[in-house]
Amino acid sequence: MTSVKEAGERQLVEAAQKDSSRFAELYEIHFDRVYAYVSRRLGDRDAAQDVTSEVFHHALANLRSFEWRGAPFGAWLMRMADAHR
């Protein structure tokens, strides 16, 4: 069963896929978590800022290809963060 939070996020992702200006809302929701994850893994604040920026740039550039496959949008971002280490 889909949670209310997941349903709302799914609607937001779908809106952002149609209108990229809506991506800012996804950025606000997920920035702290992605940055904290990258920062812990790298141990370097400047590098973490760069990688976090790359993750969100990549996410925006590829947002139209994102598909719901049983994992939340945040998990997609974390996979990108792992790929940018």
PDB file of N, CA and C in Angstrom:
ATOM      1  N   MET A   1       0.840  -1.173   0.000  1.00  0.00           N
ATOM      2  CA  MET A   1       0.000   0.000   0.000  1.00  0.00           C
ATOM      3  C   MET A   1       0.894   1.248   0.000  1.00  0.00           C
ATOM      4  N   THR A   2       0.520   2.249  -0.736  1.00  0.00           N
ATOM      5  CA  THR A   2       1.274   3.489  -0.859  1.00  0.00           C
ATOM      6  C   THR A   2       0.967   4.406   0.312  1.00  0.00           C
ATOM      7  N   SER A   3       2.009   4.945   0.939  1.00  0.00           N
ATOM      8  CA  SER A   3       1.805   5.875   2.047  1.00  0.00           C
ATOM      9  C   SER A   3       1.395   7.240   1.508  1.00  0.00           C
ATOM     10  N   VAL A   4       0.822   8.052   2.386  1.00  0.00           N
ATOM     11  CA  VAL A   4       0.414   9.402   2.007  1.00  0.00           C
ATOM     12  C   VAL A   4       1.637  10.206   1.574  1.00  0.00           C
ATOM     13  N   LYS A   5       2.741  10.068   2.321  1.00  0.00           N
ATOM     14  CA  LYS A   5       3.974  10.782   1.988  1.00  0.00           C
ATOM     15  C   LYS A   5       4.466  10.376   0.600  1.00  0.00           C
ATOM     16  N   GLU A   6       4.490   9.075   0.336  1.00  0.00           N
ATOM     17  CA  GLU A   6       4.963   8.589  -0.960  1.00  0.00           C
ATOM     18  C   GLU A   6       4.046   9.056  -2.088  1.00  0.00           C
ATOM     19  N   ALA A   7       2.744   9.038  -1.850  1.00  0.00           N
ATOM     20  CA  ALA A   7       1.793   9.494  -2.868  1.00  0.00           C
ATOM     21  C   ALA A   7       2.000  10.968  -3.174  1.00  0.00           C
ATOM     22  N   GLY A   8       2.230  11.767  -2.130  1.00  0.00           N
ATOM     23  CA  GLY A   8       2.484  13.189  -2.345  1.00  0.00           C
ATOM     24  C   GLY A   8       3.780  13.427  -3.093  1.00  0.00           C
ATOM     25  N   GLU A   9       4.806  12.659  -2.737  1.00  0.00           N
ATOM     26  CA  GLU A   9       6.080  12.795  -3.431  1.00  0.00           C
ATOM     27  C   GLU A   9       5.950  12.354  -4.880  1.00  0.00           C
ATOM     28  N   ARG A  10       5.201  11.317  -5.097  1.00  0.00           N
ATOM     29  CA  ARG A  10       5.003  10.845  -6.474  1.00  0.00           C
ATOM     30  C   ARG A  10       4.313  11.925  -7.307  1.00  0.00           C
ATOM     31  N   GLN A  11       3.319  12.567  -6.747  1.00  0.00           N
ATOM     32  CA  GLN A  11       2.632  13.651  -7.453  1.00  0.00           C
ATOM     33  C   GLN A  11       3.599  14.794  -7.748  1.00  0.00           C
ATOM     34  N   LEU A  12       4.461  15.095  -6.797  1.00  0.00           N
ATOM     35  CA  LEU A  12       5.435  16.166  -6.982  1.00  0.00           C
ATOM     36  C   LEU A  12       6.437  15.810  -8.075  1.00  0.00           C
ATOM     37  N   VAL A  13       6.908  14.581  -8.081  1.00  0.00           N
ATOM     38  CA  VAL A  13       7.835  14.141  -9.130  1.00  0.00           C
ATOM     39  C   VAL A  13       7.163  14.230 -10.496  1.00  0.00           C
ATOM     40  N   GLU A  14       5.937  13.755 -10.577  1.00  0.00           N
ATOM     41  CA  GLU A  14       5.220  13.812 -11.855  1.00  0.00           C
ATOM     42  C   GLU A  14       5.017  15.256 -12.311  1.00  0.00           C
ATOM     43  N   ALA A  15       4.741  16.158 -11.369  1.00  0.00           N
ATOM     44  CA  ALA A  15       4.597  17.576 -11.714  1.00  0.00           C
ATOM     45  C   ALA A  15       5.927  18.142 -12.206  1.00  0.00           C
ATOM     46  N   ALA A  16       7.018  17.764 -11.549  1.00  0.00           N
ATOM     47  CA  ALA A  16       8.345  18.247 -11.948  1.00  0.00           C
ATOM     48  C   ALA A  16       8.764  17.673 -13.296  1.00  0.00           C
ATOM     49  N   GLN A  17       8.314  16.473 -13.605  1.00  0.00           N
ATOM     50  CA  GLN A  17       8.626  15.896 -14.909  1.00  0.00           C
ATOM     51  C   GLN A  17       7.962  16.692 -16.035  1.00  0.00           C
ATOM     52  N   LYS A  18       6.832  17.305 -15.736  1.00  0.00           N
ATOM     53  CA  LYS A  18       6.120  18.116 -16.727  1.00  0.00           C
ATOM     54  C   LYS A  18       6.591  19.564 -16.731  1.00  0.00           C
ATOM     55  N   ASP A  19       7.014  20.054 -15.564  1.00  0.00           N
ATOM     56  CA  ASP A  19       7.430  21.455 -15.406  1.00  0.00           C
ATOM     57  C   ASP A  19       8.654  21.484 -14.496  1.00  0.00           C
ATOM     58  N   SER A  20       9.829  21.647 -15.081  1.00  0.00           N
ATOM     59  CA  SER A  20      11.080  21.543 -14.313  1.00  0.00           C
ATOM     60  C   SER A  20      11.187  22.570 -13.185  1.00  0.00           C
ATOM     61  N   SER A  21      10.397  23.636 -13.227  1.00  0.00           N
ATOM     62  CA  SER A  21      10.453  24.606 -12.125  1.00  0.00           C
ATOM     63  C   SER A  21       9.968  23.989 -10.811  1.00  0.00           C
ATOM     64  N   ARG A  22       9.214  22.902 -10.887  1.00  0.00           N
ATOM     65  CA  ARG A  22       8.736  22.214  -9.687  1.00  0.00           C
ATOM     66  C   ARG A  22       9.829  21.367  -9.030  1.00  0.00           C
ATOM     67  N   PHE A  23      10.962  21.196  -9.707  1.00  0.00           N
ATOM     68  CA  PHE A  23      12.061  20.407  -9.152  1.00  0.00           C
ATOM     69  C   PHE A  23      12.605  21.038  -7.877  1.00  0.00           C
ATOM     70  N   ALA A  24      12.495  22.347  -7.755  1.00  0.00           N
ATOM     71  CA  ALA A  24      12.996  23.040  -6.559  1.00  0.00           C
ATOM     72  C   ALA A  24      12.373  22.473  -5.293  1.00  0.00           C
ATOM     73  N   GLU A  25      11.128  22.067  -5.366  1.00  0.00           N
ATOM     74  CA  GLU A  25      10.464  21.483  -4.199  1.00  0.00           C
ATOM     75  C   GLU A  25      11.098  20.149  -3.816  1.00  0.00           C
ATOM     76  N   LEU A  26      11.422  19.347  -4.802  1.00  0.00           N
ATOM     77  CA  LEU A  26      12.101  18.072  -4.531  1.00  0.00           C
ATOM     78  C   LEU A  26      13.489  18.316  -3.949  1.00  0.00           C
ATOM     79  N   TYR A  27      14.165  19.311  -4.482  1.00  0.00           N
ATOM     80  CA  TYR A  27      15.487  19.691  -3.976  1.00  0.00           C
ATOM     81  C   TYR A  27      15.396  20.054  -2.492  1.00  0.00           C
ATOM     82  N   GLU A  28      14.430  20.883  -2.145  1.00  0.00           N
ATOM     83  CA  GLU A  28      14.262  21.309  -0.746  1.00  0.00           C
ATOM     84  C   GLU A  28      13.974  20.126   0.176  1.00  0.00           C
ATOM     85  N   ILE A  29      13.175  19.205  -0.284  1.00  0.00           N
ATOM     86  CA  ILE A  29      12.810  18.040   0.528  1.00  0.00           C
ATOM     87  C   ILE A  29      14.010  17.132   0.773  1.00  0.00           C
ATOM     88  N   HIS A  30      14.861  16.961  -0.241  1.00  0.00           N
ATOM     89  CA  HIS A  30      15.906  15.935  -0.177  1.00  0.00           C
ATOM     90  C   HIS A  30      17.326  16.452   0.022  1.00  0.00           C
ATOM     91  N   PHE A  31      17.551  17.750  -0.075  1.00  0.00           N
ATOM     92  CA  PHE A  31      18.916  18.267  -0.015  1.00  0.00           C
ATOM     93  C   PHE A  31      19.652  17.845   1.254  1.00  0.00           C
ATOM     94  N   ASP A  32      19.067  18.098   2.412  1.00  0.00           N
ATOM     95  CA  ASP A  32      19.758  17.814   3.680  1.00  0.00           C
ATOM     96  C   ASP A  32      20.168  16.354   3.799  1.00  0.00           C
ATOM     97  N   ARG A  33      19.284  15.457   3.407  1.00  0.00           N
ATOM     98  CA  ARG A  33      19.586  14.027   3.518  1.00  0.00           C
ATOM     99  C   ARG A  33      20.712  13.626   2.568  1.00  0.00           C
ATOM    100  N   VAL A  34      20.644  14.107   1.329  1.00  0.00           N
ATOM    101  CA  VAL A  34      21.685  13.758   0.357  1.00  0.00           C
ATOM    102  C   VAL A  34      23.028  14.342   0.791  1.00  0.00           C
ATOM    103  N   TYR A  35      23.023  15.606   1.196  1.00  0.00           N
ATOM    104  CA  TYR A  35      24.277  16.241   1.620  1.00  0.00           C
ATOM    105  C   TYR A  35      24.871  15.526   2.831  1.00  0.00           C
ATOM    106  N   ALA A  36      24.051  15.199   3.814  1.00  0.00           N
ATOM    107  CA  ALA A  36      24.548  14.511   5.013  1.00  0.00           C
ATOM    108  C   ALA A  36      25.152  13.155   4.653  1.00  0.00           C
ATOM    109  N   TYR A  37      24.487  12.438   3.776  1.00  0.00           N
ATOM    110  CA  TYR A  37      24.984  11.128   3.346  1.00  0.00           C
ATOM    111  C   TYR A  37      26.335  11.265   2.652  1.00  0.00           C
ATOM    112  N   VAL A  38      26.420  12.181   1.698  1.00  0.00           N
ATOM    113  CA  VAL A  38      27.661  12.373   0.944  1.00  0.00           C
ATOM    114  C   VAL A  38      28.770  12.876   1.862  1.00  0.00           C
ATOM    115  N   SER A  39      28.434  13.795   2.745  1.00  0.00           N
ATOM    116  CA  SER A  39      29.417  14.362   3.664  1.00  0.00           C
ATOM    117  C   SER A  39      30.015  13.285   4.578  1.00  0.00           C
ATOM    118  N   ARG A  40      29.157  12.411   5.096  1.00  0.00           N
ATOM    119  CA  ARG A  40      29.653  11.321   5.954  1.00  0.00           C
ATOM    120  C   ARG A  40      30.574  10.393   5.171  1.00  0.00           C
ATOM    121  N   ARG A  41      30.216  10.108   3.949  1.00  0.00           N
ATOM    122  CA  ARG A  41      31.015   9.168   3.159  1.00  0.00           C
ATOM    123  C   ARG A  41      32.351   9.758   2.725  1.00  0.00           C
ATOM    124  N   LEU A  42      32.357  11.064   2.408  1.00  0.00           N
ATOM    125  CA  LEU A  42      33.582  11.681   1.904  1.00  0.00           C
ATOM    126  C   LEU A  42      34.454  12.280   3.002  1.00  0.00           C
ATOM    127  N   GLY A  43      33.819  12.767   4.055  1.00  0.00           N
ATOM    128  CA  GLY A  43      34.578  13.396   5.136  1.00  0.00           C
ATOM    129  C   GLY A  43      35.208  14.723   4.747  1.00  0.00           C
ATOM    130  N   ASP A  44      34.743  15.321   3.674  1.00  0.00           N
ATOM    131  CA  ASP A  44      35.287  16.586   3.184  1.00  0.00           C
ATOM    132  C   ASP A  44      34.117  17.465   2.770  1.00  0.00           C
ATOM    133  N   ARG A  45      33.951  18.571   3.471  1.00  0.00           N
ATOM    134  CA  ARG A  45      32.793  19.436   3.255  1.00  0.00           C
ATOM    135  C   ARG A  45      32.733  20.003   1.834  1.00  0.00           C
ATOM    136  N   ASP A  46      33.859  20.491   1.322  1.00  0.00           N
ATOM    137  CA  ASP A  46      33.867  21.056  -0.032  1.00  0.00           C
ATOM    138  C   ASP A  46      33.535  19.998  -1.079  1.00  0.00           C
ATOM    139  N   ALA A  47      34.124  18.834  -0.947  1.00  0.00           N
ATOM    140  CA  ALA A  47      33.845  17.748  -1.896  1.00  0.00           C
ATOM    141  C   ALA A  47      32.382  17.318  -1.780  1.00  0.00           C
ATOM    142  N   ALA A  48      31.847  17.288  -0.571  1.00  0.00           N
ATOM    143  CA  ALA A  48      30.448  16.906  -0.368  1.00  0.00           C
ATOM    144  C   ALA A  48      29.507  17.905  -1.036  1.00  0.00           C
ATOM    145  N   GLN A  49      29.831  19.187  -0.951  1.00  0.00           N
ATOM    146  CA  GLN A  49      29.012  20.205  -1.618  1.00  0.00           C
ATOM    147  C   GLN A  49      29.044  20.005  -3.130  1.00  0.00           C
ATOM    148  N   ASP A  50      30.229  19.726  -3.665  1.00  0.00           N
ATOM    149  CA  ASP A  50      30.363  19.501  -5.109  1.00  0.00           C
ATOM    150  C   ASP A  50      29.577  18.278  -5.560  1.00  0.00           C
ATOM    151  N   VAL A  51      29.715  17.180  -4.830  1.00  0.00           N
ATOM    152  CA  VAL A  51      29.028  15.947  -5.204  1.00  0.00           C
ATOM    153  C   VAL A  51      27.517  16.116  -5.069  1.00  0.00           C
ATOM    154  N   THR A  52      27.070  16.766  -4.013  1.00  0.00           N
ATOM    155  CA  THR A  52      25.635  16.990  -3.831  1.00  0.00           C
ATOM    156  C   THR A  52      25.082  17.817  -4.980  1.00  0.00           C
ATOM    157  N   SER A  53      25.819  18.822  -5.386  1.00  0.00           N
ATOM    158  CA  SER A  53      25.414  19.634  -6.531  1.00  0.00           C
ATOM    159  C   SER A  53      25.326  18.771  -7.790  1.00  0.00           C
ATOM    160  N   GLU A  54      26.299  17.911  -8.001  1.00  0.00           N
ATOM    161  CA  GLU A  54      26.303  17.026  -9.168  1.00  0.00           C
ATOM    162  C   GLU A  54      25.108  16.076  -9.151  1.00  0.00           C
ATOM    163  N   VAL A  55      24.790  15.556  -7.968  1.00  0.00           N
ATOM    164  CA  VAL A  55      23.654  14.633  -7.843  1.00  0.00           C
ATOM    165  C   VAL A  55      22.365  15.321  -8.277  1.00  0.00           C
ATOM    166  N   PHE A  56      22.132  16.527  -7.768  1.00  0.00           N
ATOM    167  CA  PHE A  56      20.889  17.212  -8.107  1.00  0.00           C
ATOM    168  C   PHE A  56      20.884  17.693  -9.560  1.00  0.00           C
ATOM    169  N   HIS A  57      22.022  18.058 -10.082  1.00  0.00           N
ATOM    170  CA  HIS A  57      22.102  18.431 -11.490  1.00  0.00           C
ATOM    171  C   HIS A  57      21.758  17.219 -12.360  1.00  0.00           C
ATOM    172  N   HIS A  58      22.341  16.086 -12.022  1.00  0.00           N
ATOM    173  CA  HIS A  58      22.083  14.850 -12.762  1.00  0.00           C
ATOM    174  C   HIS A  58      20.608  14.443 -12.630  1.00  0.00           C
ATOM    175  N   ALA A  59      20.065  14.582 -11.434  1.00  0.00           N
ATOM    176  CA  ALA A  59      18.658  14.227 -11.215  1.00  0.00           C
ATOM    177  C   ALA A  59      17.741  15.100 -12.069  1.00  0.00           C
ATOM    178  N   LEU A  60      18.002  16.388 -12.091  1.00  0.00           N
ATOM    179  CA  LEU A  60      17.184  17.290 -12.894  1.00  0.00           C
ATOM    180  C   LEU A  60      17.295  16.951 -14.376  1.00  0.00           C
ATOM    181  N   ALA A  61      18.511  16.702 -14.830  1.00  0.00           N
ATOM    182  CA  ALA A  61      18.741  16.392 -16.244  1.00  0.00           C
ATOM    183  C   ALA A  61      18.071  15.081 -16.658  1.00  0.00           C
ATOM    184  N   ASN A  62      17.894  14.170 -15.710  1.00  0.00           N
ATOM    185  CA  ASN A  62      17.350  12.847 -16.022  1.00  0.00           C
ATOM    186  C   ASN A  62      15.978  12.593 -15.410  1.00  0.00           C
ATOM    187  N   LEU A  63      15.343  13.636 -14.925  1.00  0.00           N
ATOM    188  CA  LEU A  63      14.077  13.479 -14.216  1.00  0.00           C
ATOM    189  C   LEU A  63      12.996  12.828 -15.078  1.00  0.00           C
ATOM    190  N   ARG A  64      12.960  13.162 -16.337  1.00  0.00           N
ATOM    191  CA  ARG A  64      11.922  12.595 -17.212  1.00  0.00           C
ATOM    192  C   ARG A  64      12.049  11.079 -17.357  1.00  0.00           C
ATOM    193  N   SER A  65      13.238  10.541 -17.106  1.00  0.00           N
ATOM    194  CA  SER A  65      13.425   9.094 -17.224  1.00  0.00           C
ATOM    195  C   SER A  65      13.155   8.362 -15.907  1.00  0.00           C
ATOM    196  N   PHE A  66      12.926   9.109 -14.812  1.00  0.00           N
ATOM    197  CA  PHE A  66      12.646   8.465 -13.525  1.00  0.00           C
ATOM    198  C   PHE A  66      11.306   7.751 -13.594  1.00  0.00           C
ATOM    199  N   GLU A  67      11.282   6.501 -13.129  1.00  0.00           N
ATOM    200  CA  GLU A  67      10.060   5.711 -13.061  1.00  0.00           C
ATOM    201  C   GLU A  67       9.923   5.138 -11.661  1.00  0.00           C
ATOM    202  N   TRP A  68       8.696   5.109 -11.154  1.00  0.00           N
ATOM    203  CA  TRP A  68       8.436   4.497  -9.846  1.00  0.00           C
ATOM    204  C   TRP A  68       8.551   2.998  -9.987  1.00  0.00           C
ATOM    205  N   ARG A  69       9.447   2.405  -9.202  1.00  0.00           N
ATOM    206  CA  ARG A  69       9.671   0.950  -9.249  1.00  0.00           C
ATOM    207  C   ARG A  69       9.675   0.359  -7.852  1.00  0.00           C
ATOM    208  N   GLY A  70       8.866   0.900  -6.981  1.00  0.00           N
ATOM    209  CA  GLY A  70       8.776   0.365  -5.623  1.00  0.00           C
ATOM    210  C   GLY A  70       9.746   0.992  -4.653  1.00  0.00           C
ATOM    211  N   ALA A  71      10.568   1.918  -5.110  1.00  0.00           N
ATOM    212  CA  ALA A  71      11.506   2.620  -4.231  1.00  0.00           C
ATOM    213  C   ALA A  71      11.215   4.109  -4.326  1.00  0.00           C
ATOM    214  N   PRO A  72      11.382   4.834  -3.232  1.00  0.00           N
ATOM    215  CA  PRO A  72      11.094   6.272  -3.256  1.00  0.00           C
ATOM    216  C   PRO A  72      12.109   7.064  -4.089  1.00  0.00           C
ATOM    217  N   PHE A  73      11.727   8.267  -4.442  1.00  0.00           N
ATOM    218  CA  PHE A  73      12.569   9.165  -5.206  1.00  0.00           C
ATOM    219  C   PHE A  73      13.913   9.385  -4.498  1.00  0.00           C
ATOM    220  N   GLY A  74      13.879   9.503  -3.171  1.00  0.00           N
ATOM    221  CA  GLY A  74      15.104   9.699  -2.400  1.00  0.00           C
ATOM    222  C   GLY A  74      16.107   8.569  -2.592  1.00  0.00           C
ATOM    223  N   ALA A  75      15.622   7.362  -2.784  1.00  0.00           N
ATOM    224  CA  ALA A  75      16.522   6.226  -3.020  1.00  0.00           C
ATOM    225  C   ALA A  75      17.248   6.388  -4.353  1.00  0.00           C
ATOM    226  N   TRP A  76      16.548   6.926  -5.346  1.00  0.00           N
ATOM    227  CA  TRP A  76      17.154   7.200  -6.655  1.00  0.00           C
ATOM    228  C   TRP A  76      18.286   8.206  -6.493  1.00  0.00           C
ATOM    229  N   LEU A  77      18.045   9.239  -5.690  1.00  0.00           N
ATOM    230  CA  LEU A  77      19.078  10.242  -5.433  1.00  0.00           C
ATOM    231  C   LEU A  77      20.285   9.616  -4.725  1.00  0.00           C
ATOM    232  N   MET A  78      20.032   8.748  -3.763  1.00  0.00           N
ATOM    233  CA  MET A  78      21.130   8.119  -3.025  1.00  0.00           C
ATOM    234  C   MET A  78      21.962   7.212  -3.927  1.00  0.00           C
ATOM    235  N   ARG A  79      21.319   6.547  -4.861  1.00  0.00           N
ATOM    236  CA  ARG A  79      22.080   5.732  -5.819  1.00  0.00           C
ATOM    237  C   ARG A  79      22.979   6.620  -6.660  1.00  0.00           C
ATOM    238  N   MET A  80      22.484   7.779  -7.022  1.00  0.00           N
ATOM    239  CA  MET A  80      23.329   8.728  -7.775  1.00  0.00           C
ATOM    240  C   MET A  80      24.479   9.210  -6.910  1.00  0.00           C
ATOM    241  N   ALA A  81      24.212   9.462  -5.643  1.00  0.00           N
ATOM    242  CA  ALA A  81      25.260   9.913  -4.729  1.00  0.00           C
ATOM    243  C   ALA A  81      26.355   8.855  -4.630  1.00  0.00           C
ATOM    244  N   ASP A  82      25.967   7.593  -4.554  1.00  0.00           N
ATOM    245  CA  ASP A  82      26.966   6.517  -4.516  1.00  0.00           C
ATOM    246  C   ASP A  82      27.784   6.471  -5.795  1.00  0.00           C
ATOM    247  N   ALA A  83      27.160   6.728  -6.916  1.00  0.00           N
ATOM    248  CA  ALA A  83      27.849   6.680  -8.208  1.00  0.00           C
ATOM    249  C   ALA A  83      28.833   7.847  -8.373  1.00  0.00           C
ATOM    250  N   HIS A  84      28.637   8.935  -7.641  1.00  0.00           N
ATOM    251  CA  HIS A  84      29.490  10.112  -7.763  1.00  0.00           C
ATOM    252  C   HIS A  84      30.619  10.168  -6.728  1.00  0.00           C
ATOM    253  N   ARG A  85      30.833   9.109  -6.006  1.00  0.00           N
ATOM    254  CA  ARG A  85      31.878   9.123  -4.977  1.00  0.00           C
ATOM    255  C   ARG A  85      33.237   9.203  -5.585  1.00  0.00           C
TER     256      ARG A  85
END
